[in-house]
Structure formats: structure tokens, C-alpha cells
């Protein structure tokens, strides 16, 4: 993670994408909502990722994110997809 300057979390839906950003040492902040279009995503990347920098994008796995992932990786950035079904140690405890 040392090579990345910006971290972007996304909640991807069919029509919109909710976005939060954080710098390398900053706290996360809600950026806002954008349309789920290629043009809006390109504009977002140009606005929140400093020139010549690399960013890490992350979103929860789902049917609306395939195009988002493809576009971000084609722009040269890392895009992680996470499952909401990951078990944690706490969730495995049985009372």
C-alpha cells in the first residue's frame, strides 16, 4: 500500500455510485454520489486522484460493478472487490 496516494471506497448501484475518499494518512470523508456511467467515473478519477499518482479503489461485490472494475483497471489503478459474506471470528462464535 506504500505506492498509493489515494484510497476510494464505492457503494455501486445500478444508477448511482456513492463515493468516499481518504488520503494516505487522512481520515475518510464522504465525497458524494455520482451517476453510474463511464463519463462520471472518468471525471471522478481525474478529480480525486492526483496527477501521475496511483489509487486503490474498493467496492462490495455485486452485479453492478463489473464495468466499474474494468474501467478503473484500464485506467491503471488497482480495484479490489470485497464480499459482504466474509466471516469474521466474532460472527463464527456460537452462544
PDB file of N, CA and C in Angstrom:
ATOM      1  N   UNK A   1       0.809  -1.193   0.000  1.00  0.00           N
ATOM      2  CA  UNK A   1       0.000   0.000   0.000  1.00  0.00           C
ATOM      3  C   UNK A   1       0.856   1.264   0.000  1.00  0.00           C
ATOM      4  N   UNK A   2       2.157   1.112   0.074  1.00  0.00           N
ATOM      5  CA  UNK A   2       3.032   2.274   0.125  1.00  0.00           C
ATOM      6  C   UNK A   2       3.001   3.084  -1.171  1.00  0.00           C
ATOM      7  N   UNK A   3       2.703   2.449  -2.286  1.00  0.00           N
ATOM      8  CA  UNK A   3       2.771   3.115  -3.584  1.00  0.00           C
ATOM      9  C   UNK A   3       1.509   3.869  -3.964  1.00  0.00           C
ATOM     10  N   UNK A   4       0.527   3.891  -3.082  1.00  0.00           N
ATOM     11  CA  UNK A   4      -0.743   4.515  -3.415  1.00  0.00           C
ATOM     12  C   UNK A   4      -0.939   5.787  -2.610  1.00  0.00           C
ATOM     13  N   UNK A   5      -1.487   6.802  -3.264  1.00  0.00           N
ATOM     14  CA  UNK A   5      -1.681   8.090  -2.594  1.00  0.00           C
ATOM     15  C   UNK A   5      -3.113   8.315  -2.153  1.00  0.00           C
ATOM     16  N   UNK A   6      -4.053   7.638  -2.785  1.00  0.00           N
ATOM     17  CA  UNK A   6      -5.462   7.876  -2.517  1.00  0.00           C
ATOM     18  C   UNK A   6      -6.205   6.551  -2.441  1.00  0.00           C
ATOM     19  N   UNK A   7      -7.153   6.482  -1.529  1.00  0.00           N
ATOM     20  CA  UNK A   7      -7.989   5.307  -1.378  1.00  0.00           C
ATOM     21  C   UNK A   7      -9.441   5.731  -1.578  1.00  0.00           C
ATOM     22  N   UNK A   8     -10.159   5.014  -2.417  1.00  0.00           N
ATOM     23  CA  UNK A   8     -11.537   5.360  -2.752  1.00  0.00           C
ATOM     24  C   UNK A   8     -12.427   4.154  -2.513  1.00  0.00           C
ATOM     25  N   UNK A   9     -13.425   4.320  -1.656  1.00  0.00           N
ATOM     26  CA  UNK A   9     -14.410   3.283  -1.402  1.00  0.00           C
ATOM     27  C   UNK A   9     -15.686   3.623  -2.147  1.00  0.00           C
ATOM     28  N   UNK A  10     -16.311   2.631  -2.742  1.00  0.00           N
ATOM     29  CA  UNK A  10     -17.514   2.871  -3.538  1.00  0.00           C
ATOM     30  C   UNK A  10     -18.627   1.914  -3.154  1.00  0.00           C
ATOM     31  N   UNK A  11     -19.837   2.423  -3.145  1.00  0.00           N
ATOM     32  CA  UNK A  11     -21.035   1.605  -2.987  1.00  0.00           C
ATOM     33  C   UNK A  11     -21.754   1.678  -4.330  1.00  0.00           C
ATOM     34  N   UNK A  12     -21.603   0.642  -5.134  1.00  0.00           N
ATOM     35  CA  UNK A  12     -22.052   0.660  -6.528  1.00  0.00           C
ATOM     36  C   UNK A  12     -23.482   0.134  -6.645  1.00  0.00           C
ATOM     37  N   UNK A  13     -24.330   0.940  -7.266  1.00  0.00           N
ATOM     38  CA  UNK A  13     -25.715   0.564  -7.546  1.00  0.00           C
ATOM     39  C   UNK A  13     -25.957   0.691  -9.045  1.00  0.00           C
ATOM     40  N   UNK A  14     -27.109   0.273  -9.497  1.00  0.00           N
ATOM     41  CA  UNK A  14     -27.422   0.294 -10.926  1.00  0.00           C
ATOM     42  C   UNK A  14     -27.345   1.707 -11.505  1.00  0.00           C
ATOM     43  N   UNK A  15     -27.905   2.686 -10.823  1.00  0.00           N
ATOM     44  CA  UNK A  15     -27.969   4.061 -11.335  1.00  0.00           C
ATOM     45  C   UNK A  15     -26.898   4.986 -10.767  1.00  0.00           C
ATOM     46  N   UNK A  16     -26.419   4.710  -9.547  1.00  0.00           N
ATOM     47  CA  UNK A  16     -25.505   5.627  -8.868  1.00  0.00           C
ATOM     48  C   UNK A  16     -24.352   4.883  -8.201  1.00  0.00           C
ATOM     49  N   UNK A  17     -23.326   5.665  -7.836  1.00  0.00           N
ATOM     50  CA  UNK A  17     -22.203   5.164  -7.054  1.00  0.00           C
ATOM     51  C   UNK A  17     -21.966   6.165  -5.928  1.00  0.00           C
ATOM     52  N   UNK A  18     -22.053   5.706  -4.678  1.00  0.00           N
ATOM     53  CA  UNK A  18     -21.704   6.538  -3.523  1.00  0.00           C
ATOM     54  C   UNK A  18     -20.198   6.396  -3.307  1.00  0.00           C
ATOM     55  N   UNK A  19     -19.509   7.519  -3.060  1.00  0.00           N
ATOM     56  CA  UNK A  19     -18.053   7.525  -3.031  1.00  0.00           C
ATOM     57  C   UNK A  19     -17.533   8.138  -1.733  1.00  0.00           C
ATOM     58  N   UNK A  20     -16.527   7.504  -1.144  1.00  0.00           N
ATOM     59  CA  UNK A  20     -15.787   8.055  -0.011  1.00  0.00           C
ATOM     60  C   UNK A  20     -14.303   7.995  -0.366  1.00  0.00           C
ATOM     61  N   UNK A  21     -13.554   8.987   0.079  1.00  0.00           N
ATOM     62  CA  UNK A  21     -12.125   9.040  -0.234  1.00  0.00           C
ATOM     63  C   UNK A  21     -11.308   9.193   1.044  1.00  0.00           C
ATOM     64  N   UNK A  22     -10.045   8.818   0.957  1.00  0.00           N
ATOM     65  CA  UNK A  22      -9.092   9.024   2.053  1.00  0.00           C
ATOM     66  C   UNK A  22      -7.706   9.137   1.458  1.00  0.00           C
ATOM     67  N   UNK A  23      -6.939  10.062   1.979  1.00  0.00           N
ATOM     68  CA  UNK A  23      -5.539  10.174   1.586  1.00  0.00           C
ATOM     69  C   UNK A  23      -4.733   9.128   2.331  1.00  0.00           C
ATOM     70  N   UNK A  24      -3.456   9.070   2.056  1.00  0.00           N
ATOM     71  CA  UNK A  24      -2.606   8.046   2.659  1.00  0.00           C
ATOM     72  C   UNK A  24      -2.625   8.117   4.184  1.00  0.00           C
ATOM     73  N   UNK A  25      -2.666   9.305   4.733  1.00  0.00           N
ATOM     74  CA  UNK A  25      -2.646   9.454   6.188  1.00  0.00           C
ATOM     75  C   UNK A  25      -3.869  10.218   6.698  1.00  0.00           C
ATOM     76  N   UNK A  26      -4.848  10.426   5.848  1.00  0.00           N
ATOM     77  CA  UNK A  26      -6.026  11.182   6.253  1.00  0.00           C
ATOM     78  C   UNK A  26      -7.185  10.288   6.635  1.00  0.00           C
ATOM     79  N   UNK A  27      -8.150  10.886   7.284  1.00  0.00           N
ATOM     80  CA  UNK A  27      -9.340  10.124   7.642  1.00  0.00           C
ATOM     81  C   UNK A  27     -10.307  10.129   6.459  1.00  0.00           C
ATOM     82  N   UNK A  28     -11.134   9.110   6.364  1.00  0.00           N
ATOM     83  CA  UNK A  28     -12.068   9.035   5.233  1.00  0.00           C
ATOM     84  C   UNK A  28     -13.124  10.136   5.300  1.00  0.00           C
ATOM     85  N   UNK A  29     -13.556  10.560   4.119  1.00  0.00           N
ATOM     86  CA  UNK A  29     -14.630  11.545   4.054  1.00  0.00           C
ATOM     87  C   UNK A  29     -15.561  11.168   2.911  1.00  0.00           C
ATOM     88  N   UNK A  30     -16.824  11.460   3.115  1.00  0.00           N
ATOM     89  CA  UNK A  30     -17.826  11.175   2.093  1.00  0.00           C
ATOM     90  C   UNK A  30     -17.662  12.178   0.968  1.00  0.00           C
ATOM     91  N   UNK A  31     -17.463  11.703  -0.229  1.00  0.00           N
ATOM     92  CA  UNK A  31     -17.295  12.559  -1.399  1.00  0.00           C
ATOM     93  C   UNK A  31     -18.643  12.955  -1.986  1.00  0.00           C
ATOM     94  N   UNK A  32     -19.545  11.989  -2.092  1.00  0.00           N
ATOM     95  CA  UNK A  32     -20.861  12.240  -2.660  1.00  0.00           C
ATOM     96  C   UNK A  32     -21.290  11.099  -3.554  1.00  0.00           C
ATOM     97  N   UNK A  33     -22.325  11.347  -4.304  1.00  0.00           N
ATOM     98  CA  UNK A  33     -22.876  10.346  -5.202  1.00  0.00           C
ATOM     99  C   UNK A  33     -22.669  10.794  -6.641  1.00  0.00           C
ATOM    100  N   UNK A  34     -22.305   9.844  -7.496  1.00  0.00           N
ATOM    101  CA  UNK A  34     -22.152  10.126  -8.915  1.00  0.00           C
ATOM    102  C   UNK A  34     -23.034   9.161  -9.693  1.00  0.00           C
ATOM    103  N   UNK A  35     -23.293   9.481 -10.935  1.00  0.00           N
ATOM    104  CA  UNK A  35     -24.042   8.567 -11.798  1.00  0.00           C
ATOM    105  C   UNK A  35     -23.160   7.359 -12.123  1.00  0.00           C
ATOM    106  N   UNK A  36     -23.776   6.220 -12.296  1.00  0.00           N
ATOM    107  CA  UNK A  36     -23.023   5.020 -12.667  1.00  0.00           C
ATOM    108  C   UNK A  36     -22.887   4.989 -14.191  1.00  0.00           C
ATOM    109  N   UNK A  37     -22.039   5.893 -14.693  1.00  0.00           N
ATOM    110  CA  UNK A  37     -21.741   5.967 -16.124  1.00  0.00           C
ATOM    111  C   UNK A  37     -20.227   6.043 -16.293  1.00  0.00           C
ATOM    112  N   UNK A  38     -19.764   5.666 -17.461  1.00  0.00           N
ATOM    113  CA  UNK A  38     -18.326   5.725 -17.747  1.00  0.00           C
ATOM    114  C   UNK A  38     -17.810   7.162 -17.669  1.00  0.00           C
ATOM    115  N   UNK A  39     -18.593   8.113 -18.145  1.00  0.00           N
ATOM    116  CA  UNK A  39     -18.178   9.521 -18.136  1.00  0.00           C
ATOM    117  C   UNK A  39     -18.030  10.046 -16.711  1.00  0.00           C
ATOM    118  N   UNK A  40     -19.003   9.736 -15.847  1.00  0.00           N
ATOM    119  CA  UNK A  40     -18.956  10.218 -14.468  1.00  0.00           C
ATOM    120  C   UNK A  40     -17.792   9.584 -13.709  1.00  0.00           C
ATOM    121  N   UNK A  41     -17.514   8.312 -13.961  1.00  0.00           N
ATOM    122  CA  UNK A  41     -16.410   7.631 -13.291  1.00  0.00           C
ATOM    123  C   UNK A  41     -15.068   8.211 -13.742  1.00  0.00           C
ATOM    124  N   UNK A  42     -14.925   8.485 -15.018  1.00  0.00           N
ATOM    125  CA  UNK A  42     -13.694   9.107 -15.526  1.00  0.00           C
ATOM    126  C   UNK A  42     -13.486  10.470 -14.886  1.00  0.00           C
ATOM    127  N   UNK A  43     -14.538  11.256 -14.797  1.00  0.00           N
ATOM    128  CA  UNK A  43     -14.468  12.585 -14.182  1.00  0.00           C
ATOM    129  C   UNK A  43     -14.076  12.478 -12.707  1.00  0.00           C
ATOM    130  N   UNK A  44     -14.645  11.496 -12.001  1.00  0.00           N
ATOM    131  CA  UNK A  44     -14.306  11.278 -10.597  1.00  0.00           C
ATOM    132  C   UNK A  44     -12.821  10.973 -10.439  1.00  0.00           C
ATOM    133  N   UNK A  45     -12.315  10.040 -11.229  1.00  0.00           N
ATOM    134  CA  UNK A  45     -10.906   9.643 -11.123  1.00  0.00           C
ATOM    135  C   UNK A  45      -9.997  10.838 -11.377  1.00  0.00           C
ATOM    136  N   UNK A  46     -10.293  11.624 -12.389  1.00  0.00           N
ATOM    137  CA  UNK A  46      -9.468  12.798 -12.694  1.00  0.00           C
ATOM    138  C   UNK A  46      -9.505  13.827 -11.574  1.00  0.00           C
ATOM    139  N   UNK A  47     -10.626  13.886 -10.868  1.00  0.00           N
ATOM    140  CA  UNK A  47     -10.784  14.886  -9.820  1.00  0.00           C
ATOM    141  C   UNK A  47     -10.156  14.476  -8.490  1.00  0.00           C
ATOM    142  N   UNK A  48     -10.251  13.203  -8.113  1.00  0.00           N
ATOM    143  CA  UNK A  48      -9.793  12.794  -6.780  1.00  0.00           C
ATOM    144  C   UNK A  48      -8.412  12.157  -6.749  1.00  0.00           C
ATOM    145  N   UNK A  49      -7.891  11.732  -7.888  1.00  0.00           N
ATOM    146  CA  UNK A  49      -6.563  11.107  -7.913  1.00  0.00           C
ATOM    147  C   UNK A  49      -5.561  12.130  -8.444  1.00  0.00           C
ATOM    148  N   UNK A  50      -4.563  12.488  -7.620  1.00  0.00           N
ATOM    149  CA  UNK A  50      -3.561  13.455  -8.078  1.00  0.00           C
ATOM    150  C   UNK A  50      -2.863  12.986  -9.357  1.00  0.00           C
ATOM    151  N   UNK A  51      -2.451  13.921 -10.162  1.00  0.00           N
ATOM    152  CA  UNK A  51      -1.773  13.618 -11.420  1.00  0.00           C
ATOM    153  C   UNK A  51      -0.570  12.711 -11.189  1.00  0.00           C
ATOM    154  N   UNK A  52      -0.426  11.725 -12.047  1.00  0.00           N
ATOM    155  CA  UNK A  52       0.678  10.754 -12.012  1.00  0.00           C
ATOM    156  C   UNK A  52       0.691   9.902 -10.747  1.00  0.00           C
ATOM    157  N   UNK A  53      -0.399   9.854 -10.034  1.00  0.00           N
ATOM    158  CA  UNK A  53      -0.491   9.040  -8.830  1.00  0.00           C
ATOM    159  C   UNK A  53      -1.323   7.801  -9.108  1.00  0.00           C
ATOM    160  N   UNK A  54      -1.197   6.851  -8.242  1.00  0.00           N
ATOM    161  CA  UNK A  54      -1.998   5.631  -8.324  1.00  0.00           C
ATOM    162  C   UNK A  54      -2.942   5.602  -7.134  1.00  0.00           C
ATOM    163  N   UNK A  55      -4.113   5.043  -7.354  1.00  0.00           N
ATOM    164  CA  UNK A  55      -5.107   4.958  -6.298  1.00  0.00           C
ATOM    165  C   UNK A  55      -5.581   3.520  -6.142  1.00  0.00           C
ATOM    166  N   UNK A  56      -6.139   3.239  -4.968  1.00  0.00           N
ATOM    167  CA  UNK A  56      -6.765   1.957  -4.710  1.00  0.00           C
ATOM    168  C   UNK A  56      -8.264   2.209  -4.591  1.00  0.00           C
ATOM    169  N   UNK A  57      -9.025   1.536  -5.428  1.00  0.00           N
ATOM    170  CA  UNK A  57     -10.479   1.607  -5.380  1.00  0.00           C
ATOM    171  C   UNK A  57     -10.980   0.301  -4.786  1.00  0.00           C
ATOM    172  N   UNK A  58     -12.098   0.360  -4.069  1.00  0.00           N
ATOM    173  CA  UNK A  58     -12.658  -0.841  -3.482  1.00  0.00           C
ATOM    174  C   UNK A  58     -14.178  -0.730  -3.465  1.00  0.00           C
ATOM    175  N   UNK A  59     -14.838  -1.843  -3.753  1.00  0.00           N
ATOM    176  CA  UNK A  59     -16.293  -1.880  -3.652  1.00  0.00           C
ATOM    177  C   UNK A  59     -16.741  -3.279  -3.302  1.00  0.00           C
ATOM    178  N   UNK A  60     -17.977  -3.374  -2.820  1.00  0.00           N
ATOM    179  CA  UNK A  60     -18.554  -4.656  -2.444  1.00  0.00           C
ATOM    180  C   UNK A  60     -18.995  -5.399  -3.698  1.00  0.00           C
ATOM    181  N   UNK A  61     -18.710  -6.674  -3.746  1.00  0.00           N
ATOM    182  CA  UNK A  61     -19.070  -7.484  -4.906  1.00  0.00           C
ATOM    183  C   UNK A  61     -20.568  -7.455  -5.159  1.00  0.00           C
ATOM    184  N   UNK A  62     -20.931  -7.360  -6.428  1.00  0.00           N
ATOM    185  CA  UNK A  62     -22.336  -7.349  -6.816  1.00  0.00           C
ATOM    186  C   UNK A  62     -22.460  -7.256  -8.321  1.00  0.00           C
ATOM    187  N   UNK A  63     -23.657  -7.363  -8.841  1.00  0.00           N
ATOM    188  CA  UNK A  63     -23.856  -7.409 -10.286  1.00  0.00           C
ATOM    189  C   UNK A  63     -23.646  -6.072 -11.007  1.00  0.00           C
ATOM    190  N   UNK A  64     -23.565  -4.971 -10.274  1.00  0.00           N
ATOM    191  CA  UNK A  64     -23.461  -3.657 -10.920  1.00  0.00           C
ATOM    192  C   UNK A  64     -22.028  -3.158 -11.059  1.00  0.00           C
ATOM    193  N   UNK A  65     -21.048  -3.926 -10.605  1.00  0.00           N
ATOM    194  CA  UNK A  65     -19.690  -3.406 -10.562  1.00  0.00           C
ATOM    195  C   UNK A  65     -18.734  -3.888 -11.627  1.00  0.00           C
ATOM    196  N   UNK A  66     -19.155  -4.807 -12.485  1.00  0.00           N
ATOM    197  CA  UNK A  66     -18.214  -5.358 -13.468  1.00  0.00           C
ATOM    198  C   UNK A  66     -17.632  -4.283 -14.392  1.00  0.00           C
ATOM    199  N   UNK A  67     -18.472  -3.429 -14.908  1.00  0.00           N
ATOM    200  CA  UNK A  67     -17.995  -2.357 -15.782  1.00  0.00           C
ATOM    201  C   UNK A  67     -17.128  -1.358 -15.042  1.00  0.00           C
ATOM    202  N   UNK A  68     -17.482  -1.073 -13.794  1.00  0.00           N
ATOM    203  CA  UNK A  68     -16.698  -0.152 -12.961  1.00  0.00           C
ATOM    204  C   UNK A  68     -15.294  -0.714 -12.764  1.00  0.00           C
ATOM    205  N   UNK A  69     -15.192  -1.971 -12.409  1.00  0.00           N
ATOM    206  CA  UNK A  69     -13.889  -2.611 -12.207  1.00  0.00           C
ATOM    207  C   UNK A  69     -13.044  -2.562 -13.476  1.00  0.00           C
ATOM    208  N   UNK A  70     -13.645  -2.917 -14.571  1.00  0.00           N
ATOM    209  CA  UNK A  70     -12.932  -2.935 -15.857  1.00  0.00           C
ATOM    210  C   UNK A  70     -12.410  -1.543 -16.217  1.00  0.00           C
ATOM    211  N   UNK A  71     -13.249  -0.525 -16.038  1.00  0.00           N
ATOM    212  CA  UNK A  71     -12.841   0.831 -16.397  1.00  0.00           C
ATOM    213  C   UNK A  71     -11.710   1.334 -15.499  1.00  0.00           C
ATOM    214  N   UNK A  72     -11.808   1.092 -14.207  1.00  0.00           N
ATOM    215  CA  UNK A  72     -10.776   1.564 -13.284  1.00  0.00           C
ATOM    216  C   UNK A  72      -9.445   0.881 -13.549  1.00  0.00           C
ATOM    217  N   UNK A  73      -9.451  -0.430 -13.756  1.00  0.00           N
ATOM    218  CA  UNK A  73      -8.195  -1.129 -14.021  1.00  0.00           C
ATOM    219  C   UNK A  73      -7.624  -0.729 -15.380  1.00  0.00           C
ATOM    220  N   UNK A  74      -8.471  -0.450 -16.351  1.00  0.00           N
ATOM    221  CA  UNK A  74      -7.989   0.028 -17.655  1.00  0.00           C
ATOM    222  C   UNK A  74      -7.317   1.399 -17.539  1.00  0.00           C
ATOM    223  N   UNK A  75      -7.699   2.168 -16.526  1.00  0.00           N
ATOM    224  CA  UNK A  75      -7.089   3.486 -16.293  1.00  0.00           C
ATOM    225  C   UNK A  75      -5.777   3.370 -15.517  1.00  0.00           C
ATOM    226  N   UNK A  76      -5.392   2.136 -15.142  1.00  0.00           N
ATOM    227  CA  UNK A  76      -4.111   1.910 -14.481  1.00  0.00           C
ATOM    228  C   UNK A  76      -4.154   1.916 -12.969  1.00  0.00           C
ATOM    229  N   UNK A  77      -5.339   1.867 -12.388  1.00  0.00           N
ATOM    230  CA  UNK A  77      -5.463   1.878 -10.937  1.00  0.00           C
ATOM    231  C   UNK A  77      -5.846   0.493 -10.438  1.00  0.00           C
ATOM    232  N   UNK A  78      -5.590   0.260  -9.172  1.00  0.00           N
ATOM    233  CA  UNK A  78      -5.962  -1.004  -8.551  1.00  0.00           C
ATOM    234  C   UNK A  78      -7.424  -0.926  -8.106  1.00  0.00           C
ATOM    235  N   UNK A  79      -8.156  -1.997  -8.310  1.00  0.00           N
ATOM    236  CA  UNK A  79      -9.558  -2.050  -7.912  1.00  0.00           C
ATOM    237  C   UNK A  79      -9.822  -3.381  -7.225  1.00  0.00           C
ATOM    238  N   UNK A  80     -10.079  -3.308  -5.917  1.00  0.00           N
ATOM    239  CA  UNK A  80     -10.342  -4.506  -5.125  1.00  0.00           C
ATOM    240  C   UNK A  80     -11.842  -4.699  -4.985  1.00  0.00           C
ATOM    241  N   UNK A  81     -12.260  -5.932  -5.087  1.00  0.00           N
ATOM    242  CA  UNK A  81     -13.667  -6.287  -4.908  1.00  0.00           C
ATOM    243  C   UNK A  81     -13.750  -7.147  -3.653  1.00  0.00           C
ATOM    244  N   UNK A  82     -14.604  -6.774  -2.735  1.00  0.00           N
ATOM    245  CA  UNK A  82     -14.743  -7.497  -1.475  1.00  0.00           C
ATOM    246  C   UNK A  82     -16.145  -8.062  -1.342  1.00  0.00           C
ATOM    247  N   UNK A  83     -16.252  -9.182  -0.688  1.00  0.00           N
ATOM    248  CA  UNK A  83     -17.545  -9.813  -0.449  1.00  0.00           C
ATOM    249  C   UNK A  83     -18.103  -9.370   0.894  1.00  0.00           C
ATOM    250  N   UNK A  84     -19.401  -9.189   0.949  1.00  0.00           N
ATOM    251  CA  UNK A  84     -20.039  -8.847   2.220  1.00  0.00           C
ATOM    252  C   UNK A  84     -20.258 -10.099   3.059  1.00  0.00           C
ATOM    253  N   UNK A  85     -19.949 -11.254   2.515  1.00  0.00           N
ATOM    254  CA  UNK A  85     -20.208 -12.512   3.206  1.00  0.00           C
ATOM    255  C   UNK A  85     -18.975 -13.092   3.890  1.00  0.00           C
ATOM    256  N   UNK A  86     -17.944 -12.279   4.077  1.00  0.00           N
ATOM    257  CA  UNK A  86     -16.729 -12.753   4.720  1.00  0.00           C
ATOM    258  C   UNK A  86     -17.017 -12.943   6.206  1.00  0.00           C
ATOM    259  N   UNK A  87     -16.760 -14.140   6.697  1.00  0.00           N
ATOM    260  CA  UNK A  87     -16.972 -14.423   8.111  1.00  0.00           C
ATOM    261  C   UNK A  87     -15.830 -13.855   8.931  1.00  0.00           C
ATOM    262  N   UNK A  88     -16.182 -13.250  10.048  1.00  0.00           N
ATOM    263  CA  UNK A  88     -15.176 -12.790  10.992  1.00  0.00           C
ATOM    264  C   UNK A  88     -15.173 -13.754  12.165  1.00  0.00           C
ATOM    265  N   UNK A  89     -14.148 -13.682  12.961  1.00  0.00           N
ATOM    266  CA  UNK A  89     -14.050 -14.567  14.115  1.00  0.00           C
ATOM    267  C   UNK A  89     -15.254 -14.377  15.039  1.00  0.00           C
ATOM    268  N   UNK A  90     -15.682 -13.124  15.209  1.00  0.00           N
ATOM    269  CA  UNK A  90     -16.823 -12.838  16.081  1.00  0.00           C
ATOM    270  C   UNK A  90     -18.113 -13.455  15.549  1.00  0.00           C
ATOM    271  N   UNK A  91     -18.308 -13.420  14.225  1.00  0.00           N
ATOM    272  CA  UNK A  91     -19.547 -13.941  13.666  1.00  0.00           C
ATOM    273  C   UNK A  91     -19.607 -15.456  13.708  1.00  0.00           C
ATOM    274  N   UNK A  92     -18.475 -16.110  13.919  1.00  0.00           N
ATOM    275  CA  UNK A  92     -18.446 -17.570  13.984  1.00  0.00           C
ATOM    276  C   UNK A  92     -18.710 -18.113  15.385  1.00  0.00           C
ATOM    277  N   UNK A  93     -18.688 -17.229  16.393  1.00  0.00           N
ATOM    278  CA  UNK A  93     -18.927 -17.680  17.758  1.00  0.00           C
ATOM    279  C   UNK A  93     -20.384 -18.114  17.926  1.00  0.00           C
ATOM    280  N   UNK A  94     -20.571 -19.221  18.589  1.00  0.00           N
ATOM    281  CA  UNK A  94     -21.916 -19.738  18.858  1.00  0.00           C
ATOM    282  C   UNK A  94     -22.178 -19.619  20.340  1.00  0.00           C
ATOM    283  N   UNK A  95     -23.317 -19.029  20.686  1.00  0.00           N
ATOM    284  CA  UNK A  95     -23.661 -18.885  22.098  1.00  0.00           C
ATOM    285  C   UNK A  95     -24.442 -20.051  22.602  1.00  0.00           C
TER     286      UNK A  95
END
